[in-house]
């Protein structure tokens, strides 16, 4: 059984990914799936302070499940 996992950024309600498909034009964002343990990770390459904020992982079950978290970027990587 395949469950659809989505990542959403709360600022402006941006859909980032659904499954392994990326829906944002910002190519730094990518969903990574580990089939061995069914983990899903949102990867943000080269995080910037403006990436700080609320993100939510949503699982397409009935009823839907969501887990919100706060990302705080403390400094740009140079």
PDB file of N, CA and C in Angstrom:
ATOM      1  N   UNK A   1       0.841  -1.180   0.000  1.00  0.00           N
ATOM      2  CA  UNK A   1       0.000   0.000   0.000  1.00  0.00           C
ATOM      3  C   UNK A   1       0.889   1.247   0.000  1.00  0.00           C
ATOM      4  N   UNK A   2       0.651   2.131  -0.928  1.00  0.00           N
ATOM      5  CA  UNK A   2       1.442   3.348  -1.055  1.00  0.00           C
ATOM      6  C   UNK A   2       0.687   4.524  -0.450  1.00  0.00           C
ATOM      7  N   UNK A   3       1.339   5.228   0.464  1.00  0.00           N
ATOM      8  CA  UNK A   3       0.742   6.394   1.104  1.00  0.00           C
ATOM      9  C   UNK A   3       1.439   7.629   0.553  1.00  0.00           C
ATOM     10  N   UNK A   4       0.645   8.626   0.175  1.00  0.00           N
ATOM     11  CA  UNK A   4       1.185   9.856  -0.390  1.00  0.00           C
ATOM     12  C   UNK A   4       1.586  10.811   0.730  1.00  0.00           C
ATOM     13  N   UNK A   5       2.826  11.287   0.684  1.00  0.00           N
ATOM     14  CA  UNK A   5       3.352  12.225   1.675  1.00  0.00           C
ATOM     15  C   UNK A   5       3.637  13.549   0.980  1.00  0.00           C
ATOM     16  N   UNK A   6       3.177  14.646   1.596  1.00  0.00           N
ATOM     17  CA  UNK A   6       3.383  15.987   1.044  1.00  0.00           C
ATOM     18  C   UNK A   6       4.104  16.858   2.061  1.00  0.00           C
ATOM     19  N   UNK A   7       4.846  17.821   1.560  1.00  0.00           N
ATOM     20  CA  UNK A   7       5.475  18.840   2.400  1.00  0.00           C
ATOM     21  C   UNK A   7       4.922  20.198   1.996  1.00  0.00           C
ATOM     22  N   UNK A   8       4.505  20.970   3.004  1.00  0.00           N
ATOM     23  CA  UNK A   8       3.903  22.284   2.787  1.00  0.00           C
ATOM     24  C   UNK A   8       4.658  23.304   3.631  1.00  0.00           C
ATOM     25  N   UNK A   9       4.897  24.462   3.041  1.00  0.00           N
ATOM     26  CA  UNK A   9       5.471  25.585   3.786  1.00  0.00           C
ATOM     27  C   UNK A   9       4.325  26.495   4.158  1.00  0.00           C
ATOM     28  N   UNK A  10       4.195  26.820   5.436  1.00  0.00           N
ATOM     29  CA  UNK A  10       3.039  27.587   5.895  1.00  0.00           C
ATOM     30  C   UNK A  10       3.060  29.039   5.445  1.00  0.00           C
ATOM     31  N   UNK A  11       4.243  29.635   5.303  1.00  0.00           N
ATOM     32  CA  UNK A  11       4.295  31.040   4.866  1.00  0.00           C
ATOM     33  C   UNK A  11       3.782  31.099   3.434  1.00  0.00           C
ATOM     34  N   UNK A  12       2.608  31.649   3.263  1.00  0.00           N
ATOM     35  CA  UNK A  12       2.010  31.738   1.936  1.00  0.00           C
ATOM     36  C   UNK A  12       1.362  30.441   1.482  1.00  0.00           C
ATOM     37  N   UNK A  13       1.337  29.437   2.342  1.00  0.00           N
ATOM     38  CA  UNK A  13       0.784  28.109   2.046  1.00  0.00           C
ATOM     39  C   UNK A  13       1.319  27.612   0.697  1.00  0.00           C
ATOM     40  N   UNK A  14       2.594  27.279   0.668  1.00  0.00           N
ATOM     41  CA  UNK A  14       3.229  26.774  -0.541  1.00  0.00           C
ATOM     42  C   UNK A  14       3.345  25.261  -0.486  1.00  0.00           C
ATOM     43  N   UNK A  15       2.789  24.592  -1.477  1.00  0.00           N
ATOM     44  CA  UNK A  15       2.968  23.161  -1.635  1.00  0.00           C
ATOM     45  C   UNK A  15       4.371  22.943  -2.197  1.00  0.00           C
ATOM     46  N   UNK A  16       5.204  22.245  -1.440  1.00  0.00           N
ATOM     47  CA  UNK A  16       6.577  22.038  -1.868  1.00  0.00           C
ATOM     48  C   UNK A  16       6.742  20.733  -2.634  1.00  0.00           C
ATOM     49  N   UNK A  17       6.250  19.640  -2.048  1.00  0.00           N
ATOM     50  CA  UNK A  17       6.396  18.339  -2.683  1.00  0.00           C
ATOM     51  C   UNK A  17       5.159  17.481  -2.432  1.00  0.00           C
ATOM     52  N   UNK A  18       4.923  16.554  -3.341  1.00  0.00           N
ATOM     53  CA  UNK A  18       3.933  15.487  -3.172  1.00  0.00           C
ATOM     54  C   UNK A  18       4.622  14.216  -3.650  1.00  0.00           C
ATOM     55  N   UNK A  19       4.775  13.259  -2.744  1.00  0.00           N
ATOM     56  CA  UNK A  19       5.583  12.093  -3.090  1.00  0.00           C
ATOM     57  C   UNK A  19       6.987  12.561  -3.424  1.00  0.00           C
ATOM     58  N   UNK A  20       7.520  12.075  -4.517  1.00  0.00           N
ATOM     59  CA  UNK A  20       8.863  12.497  -4.935  1.00  0.00           C
ATOM     60  C   UNK A  20       8.842  13.659  -5.920  1.00  0.00           C
ATOM     61  N   UNK A  21       7.665  14.171  -6.226  1.00  0.00           N
ATOM     62  CA  UNK A  21       7.546  15.289  -7.171  1.00  0.00           C
ATOM     63  C   UNK A  21       7.652  16.613  -6.436  1.00  0.00           C
ATOM     64  N   UNK A  22       8.425  17.533  -6.989  1.00  0.00           N
ATOM     65  CA  UNK A  22       8.611  18.855  -6.402  1.00  0.00           C
ATOM     66  C   UNK A  22       7.740  19.854  -7.149  1.00  0.00           C
ATOM     67  N   UNK A  23       6.962  20.641  -6.398  1.00  0.00           N
ATOM     68  CA  UNK A  23       6.034  21.600  -6.997  1.00  0.00           C
ATOM     69  C   UNK A  23       6.446  23.047  -6.814  1.00  0.00           C
ATOM     70  N   UNK A  24       7.586  23.272  -6.215  1.00  0.00           N
ATOM     71  CA  UNK A  24       8.083  24.635  -6.092  1.00  0.00           C
ATOM     72  C   UNK A  24       9.163  24.860  -7.145  1.00  0.00           C
ATOM     73  N   UNK A  25       9.282  26.085  -7.599  1.00  0.00           N
ATOM     74  CA  UNK A  25      10.310  26.399  -8.589  1.00  0.00           C
ATOM     75  C   UNK A  25      11.691  26.512  -7.941  1.00  0.00           C
ATOM     76  N   UNK A  26      11.724  26.564  -6.601  1.00  0.00           N
ATOM     77  CA  UNK A  26      12.992  26.649  -5.878  1.00  0.00           C
ATOM     78  C   UNK A  26      13.626  25.259  -5.843  1.00  0.00           C
ATOM     79  N   UNK A  27      14.655  25.051  -6.634  1.00  0.00           N
ATOM     80  CA  UNK A  27      15.256  23.732  -6.799  1.00  0.00           C
ATOM     81  C   UNK A  27      16.064  23.266  -5.597  1.00  0.00           C
ATOM     82  N   UNK A  28      16.146  24.093  -4.562  1.00  0.00           N
ATOM     83  CA  UNK A  28      16.851  23.674  -3.347  1.00  0.00           C
ATOM     84  C   UNK A  28      16.023  22.681  -2.532  1.00  0.00           C
ATOM     85  N   UNK A  29      14.702  22.618  -2.772  1.00  0.00           N
ATOM     86  CA  UNK A  29      13.802  21.756  -2.016  1.00  0.00           C
ATOM     87  C   UNK A  29      13.632  20.418  -2.722  1.00  0.00           C
ATOM     88  N   UNK A  30      13.700  19.330  -1.935  1.00  0.00           N
ATOM     89  CA  UNK A  30      13.533  17.994  -2.490  1.00  0.00           C
ATOM     90  C   UNK A  30      13.046  17.052  -1.398  1.00  0.00           C
ATOM     91  N   UNK A  31      12.083  16.198  -1.733  1.00  0.00           N
ATOM     92  CA  UNK A  31      11.627  15.156  -0.809  1.00  0.00           C
ATOM     93  C   UNK A  31      12.476  13.912  -1.047  1.00  0.00           C
ATOM     94  N   UNK A  32      12.934  13.335   0.042  1.00  0.00           N
ATOM     95  CA  UNK A  32      13.741  12.118  -0.037  1.00  0.00           C
ATOM     96  C   UNK A  32      13.001  11.017   0.703  1.00  0.00           C
ATOM     97  N   UNK A  33      12.844   9.877   0.036  1.00  0.00           N
ATOM     98  CA  UNK A  33      12.123   8.743   0.616  1.00  0.00           C
ATOM     99  C   UNK A  33      13.068   7.572   0.807  1.00  0.00           C
ATOM    100  N   UNK A  34      13.031   7.004   1.997  1.00  0.00           N
ATOM    101  CA  UNK A  34      13.823   5.817   2.295  1.00  0.00           C
ATOM    102  C   UNK A  34      12.872   4.626   2.382  1.00  0.00           C
ATOM    103  N   UNK A  35      12.787   3.791   1.341  1.00  0.00           N
ATOM    104  CA  UNK A  35      11.829   2.683   1.342  1.00  0.00           C
ATOM    105  C   UNK A  35      12.131   1.622   2.403  1.00  0.00           C
ATOM    106  N   UNK A  36      13.364   1.562   2.899  1.00  0.00           N
ATOM    107  CA  UNK A  36      13.701   0.565   3.915  1.00  0.00           C
ATOM    108  C   UNK A  36      12.923   0.786   5.216  1.00  0.00           C
ATOM    109  N   UNK A  37      12.714   2.047   5.580  1.00  0.00           N
ATOM    110  CA  UNK A  37      12.009   2.331   6.833  1.00  0.00           C
ATOM    111  C   UNK A  37      10.823   3.277   6.654  1.00  0.00           C
ATOM    112  N   UNK A  38      10.469   3.570   5.402  1.00  0.00           N
ATOM    113  CA  UNK A  38       9.330   4.434   5.066  1.00  0.00           C
ATOM    114  C   UNK A  38       9.479   5.861   5.601  1.00  0.00           C
ATOM    115  N   UNK A  39      10.699   6.318   5.833  1.00  0.00           N
ATOM    116  CA  UNK A  39      10.930   7.699   6.265  1.00  0.00           C
ATOM    117  C   UNK A  39      10.879   8.634   5.068  1.00  0.00           C
ATOM    118  N   UNK A  40      10.329   9.826   5.292  1.00  0.00           N
ATOM    119  CA  UNK A  40      10.317  10.896   4.294  1.00  0.00           C
ATOM    120  C   UNK A  40      11.025  12.097   4.911  1.00  0.00           C
ATOM    121  N   UNK A  41      11.917  12.706   4.159  1.00  0.00           N
ATOM    122  CA  UNK A  41      12.683  13.850   4.631  1.00  0.00           C
ATOM    123  C   UNK A  41      12.557  14.982   3.618  1.00  0.00           C
ATOM    124  N   UNK A  42      12.387  16.202   4.124  1.00  0.00           N
ATOM    125  CA  UNK A  42      12.436  17.377   3.263  1.00  0.00           C
ATOM    126  C   UNK A  42      13.853  17.910   3.320  1.00  0.00           C
ATOM    127  N   UNK A  43      14.533  17.896   2.189  1.00  0.00           N
ATOM    128  CA  UNK A  43      15.892  18.411   2.111  1.00  0.00           C
ATOM    129  C   UNK A  43      15.853  19.824   1.546  1.00  0.00           C
ATOM    130  N   UNK A  44      16.552  20.736   2.208  1.00  0.00           N
ATOM    131  CA  UNK A  44      16.712  22.110   1.714  1.00  0.00           C
ATOM    132  C   UNK A  44      18.211  22.326   1.547  1.00  0.00           C
ATOM    133  N   UNK A  45      18.642  22.361   0.306  1.00  0.00           N
ATOM    134  CA  UNK A  45      20.064  22.593   0.039  1.00  0.00           C
ATOM    135  C   UNK A  45      20.368  24.084   0.202  1.00  0.00           C
ATOM    136  N   UNK A  46      21.509  24.368   0.796  1.00  0.00           N
ATOM    137  CA  UNK A  46      21.956  25.751   1.014  1.00  0.00           C
ATOM    138  C   UNK A  46      20.880  26.576   1.725  1.00  0.00           C
ATOM    139  N   UNK A  47      20.475  26.187   2.938  1.00  0.00           N
ATOM    140  CA  UNK A  47      19.426  26.919   3.649  1.00  0.00           C
ATOM    141  C   UNK A  47      19.830  28.366   3.905  1.00  0.00           C
ATOM    142  N   UNK A  48      18.821  29.217   3.862  1.00  0.00           N
ATOM    143  CA  UNK A  48      19.019  30.646   4.078  1.00  0.00           C
ATOM    144  C   UNK A  48      18.090  31.093   5.204  1.00  0.00           C
ATOM    145  N   UNK A  49      18.401  32.206   5.810  1.00  0.00           N
ATOM    146  CA  UNK A  49      17.598  32.712   6.918  1.00  0.00           C
ATOM    147  C   UNK A  49      16.139  32.844   6.509  1.00  0.00           C
ATOM    148  N   UNK A  50      15.864  33.230   5.276  1.00  0.00           N
ATOM    149  CA  UNK A  50      14.481  33.396   4.810  1.00  0.00           C
ATOM    150  C   UNK A  50      13.721  32.069   4.735  1.00  0.00           C
ATOM    151  N   UNK A  51      14.428  30.939   4.828  1.00  0.00           N
ATOM    152  CA  UNK A  51      13.766  29.633   4.836  1.00  0.00           C
ATOM    153  C   UNK A  51      13.180  29.295   6.207  1.00  0.00           C
ATOM    154  N   UNK A  52      13.518  30.080   7.225  1.00  0.00           N
ATOM    155  CA  UNK A  52      12.979  29.834   8.562  1.00  0.00           C
ATOM    156  C   UNK A  52      11.456  29.943   8.541  1.00  0.00           C
ATOM    157  N   UNK A  53      10.799  29.137   9.362  1.00  0.00           N
ATOM    158  CA  UNK A  53       9.346  29.202   9.456  1.00  0.00           C
ATOM    159  C   UNK A  53       8.730  27.845   9.699  1.00  0.00           C
ATOM    160  N   UNK A  54       7.412  27.793   9.566  1.00  0.00           N
ATOM    161  CA  UNK A  54       6.652  26.573   9.799  1.00  0.00           C
ATOM    162  C   UNK A  54       6.567  25.734   8.519  1.00  0.00           C
ATOM    163  N   UNK A  55       6.824  24.453   8.674  1.00  0.00           N
ATOM    164  CA  UNK A  55       6.694  23.465   7.607  1.00  0.00           C
ATOM    165  C   UNK A  55       5.810  22.345   8.134  1.00  0.00           C
ATOM    166  N   UNK A  56       5.086  21.691   7.239  1.00  0.00           N
ATOM    167  CA  UNK A  56       4.232  20.594   7.662  1.00  0.00           C
ATOM    168  C   UNK A  56       4.381  19.409   6.723  1.00  0.00           C
ATOM    169  N   UNK A  57       4.519  18.248   7.329  1.00  0.00           N
ATOM    170  CA  UNK A  57       4.501  16.988   6.608  1.00  0.00           C
ATOM    171  C   UNK A  57       3.074  16.462   6.694  1.00  0.00           C
ATOM    172  N   UNK A  58       2.458  16.191   5.559  1.00  0.00           N
ATOM    173  CA  UNK A  58       1.077  15.713   5.525  1.00  0.00           C
ATOM    174  C   UNK A  58       1.041  14.330   4.896  1.00  0.00           C
ATOM    175  N   UNK A  59       0.317  13.426   5.547  1.00  0.00           N
ATOM    176  CA  UNK A  59       0.190  12.056   5.061  1.00  0.00           C
ATOM    177  C   UNK A  59      -1.235  11.860   4.572  1.00  0.00           C
ATOM    178  N   UNK A  60      -1.372  11.410   3.329  1.00  0.00           N
ATOM    179  CA  UNK A  60      -2.678  11.254   2.690  1.00  0.00           C
ATOM    180  C   UNK A  60      -3.398   9.994   3.134  1.00  0.00           C
ATOM    181  N   UNK A  61      -3.807   9.956   4.386  1.00  0.00           N
ATOM    182  CA  UNK A  61      -4.588   8.842   4.921  1.00  0.00           C
ATOM    183  C   UNK A  61      -5.999   9.328   5.193  1.00  0.00           C
ATOM    184  N   UNK A  62      -6.874   8.431   5.615  1.00  0.00           N
ATOM    185  CA  UNK A  62      -8.223   8.823   6.007  1.00  0.00           C
ATOM    186  C   UNK A  62      -8.407   8.483   7.468  1.00  0.00           C
ATOM    187  N   UNK A  63      -8.526   9.443   8.349  1.00  0.00           N
ATOM    188  CA  UNK A  63      -8.412  10.885   8.115  1.00  0.00           C
ATOM    189  C   UNK A  63      -6.950  11.289   7.869  1.00  0.00           C
ATOM    190  N   UNK A  64      -6.751  12.469   7.236  1.00  0.00           N
ATOM    191  CA  UNK A  64      -5.383  12.925   6.955  1.00  0.00           C
ATOM    192  C   UNK A  64      -4.610  13.185   8.252  1.00  0.00           C
ATOM    193  N   UNK A  65      -3.316  12.984   8.177  1.00  0.00           N
ATOM    194  CA  UNK A  65      -2.432  13.223   9.319  1.00  0.00           C
ATOM    195  C   UNK A  65      -1.433  14.295   8.914  1.00  0.00           C
ATOM    196  N   UNK A  66      -1.171  15.237   9.812  1.00  0.00           N
ATOM    197  CA  UNK A  66      -0.177  16.270   9.549  1.00  0.00           C
ATOM    198  C   UNK A  66       0.674  16.502  10.777  1.00  0.00           C
ATOM    199  N   UNK A  67       1.922  16.825  10.563  1.00  0.00           N
ATOM    200  CA  UNK A  67       2.837  17.152  11.655  1.00  0.00           C
ATOM    201  C   UNK A  67       3.589  18.420  11.277  1.00  0.00           C
ATOM    202  N   UNK A  68       3.333  19.480  12.033  1.00  0.00           N
ATOM    203  CA  UNK A  68       3.977  20.770  11.763  1.00  0.00           C
ATOM    204  C   UNK A  68       5.248  20.892  12.598  1.00  0.00           C
ATOM    205  N   UNK A  69       6.228  21.601  12.045  1.00  0.00           N
ATOM    206  CA  UNK A  69       7.471  21.841  12.751  1.00  0.00           C
ATOM    207  C   UNK A  69       7.993  23.219  12.396  1.00  0.00           C
ATOM    208  N   UNK A  70       8.883  23.717  13.220  1.00  0.00           N
ATOM    209  CA  UNK A  70       9.480  25.027  12.983  1.00  0.00           C
ATOM    210  C   UNK A  70      10.938  24.827  12.608  1.00  0.00           C
ATOM    211  N   UNK A  71      11.335  25.447  11.524  1.00  0.00           N
ATOM    212  CA  UNK A  71      12.734  25.446  11.108  1.00  0.00           C
ATOM    213  C   UNK A  71      13.291  26.838  11.401  1.00  0.00           C
ATOM    214  N   UNK A  72      14.418  26.870  12.104  1.00  0.00           N
ATOM    215  CA  UNK A  72      15.100  28.133  12.373  1.00  0.00           C
ATOM    216  C   UNK A  72      16.501  28.044  11.788  1.00  0.00           C
ATOM    217  N   UNK A  73      16.767  28.876  10.817  1.00  0.00           N
ATOM    218  CA  UNK A  73      18.094  28.954  10.208  1.00  0.00           C
ATOM    219  C   UNK A  73      18.784  30.124  10.898  1.00  0.00           C
ATOM    220  N   UNK A  74      19.906  29.846  11.553  1.00  0.00           N
ATOM    221  CA  UNK A  74      20.561  30.873  12.373  1.00  0.00           C
ATOM    222  C   UNK A  74      21.606  31.681  11.621  1.00  0.00           C
ATOM    223  N   UNK A  75      21.992  31.231  10.440  1.00  0.00           N
ATOM    224  CA  UNK A  75      22.965  31.987   9.648  1.00  0.00           C
ATOM    225  C   UNK A  75      23.115  31.357   8.284  1.00  0.00           C
ATOM    226  N   UNK A  76      23.387  32.196   7.292  1.00  0.00           N
ATOM    227  CA  UNK A  76      23.600  31.684   5.940  1.00  0.00           C
ATOM    228  C   UNK A  76      24.933  30.951   5.868  1.00  0.00           C
ATOM    229  N   UNK A  77      24.982  29.893   5.093  1.00  0.00           N
ATOM    230  CA  UNK A  77      26.230  29.180   4.852  1.00  0.00           C
ATOM    231  C   UNK A  77      26.949  29.886   3.718  1.00  0.00           C
ATOM    232  N   UNK A  78      28.203  30.208   3.943  1.00  0.00           N
ATOM    233  CA  UNK A  78      28.966  30.890   2.894  1.00  0.00           C
ATOM    234  C   UNK A  78      30.110  30.040   2.421  1.00  0.00           C
TER     235      UNK A  78
END
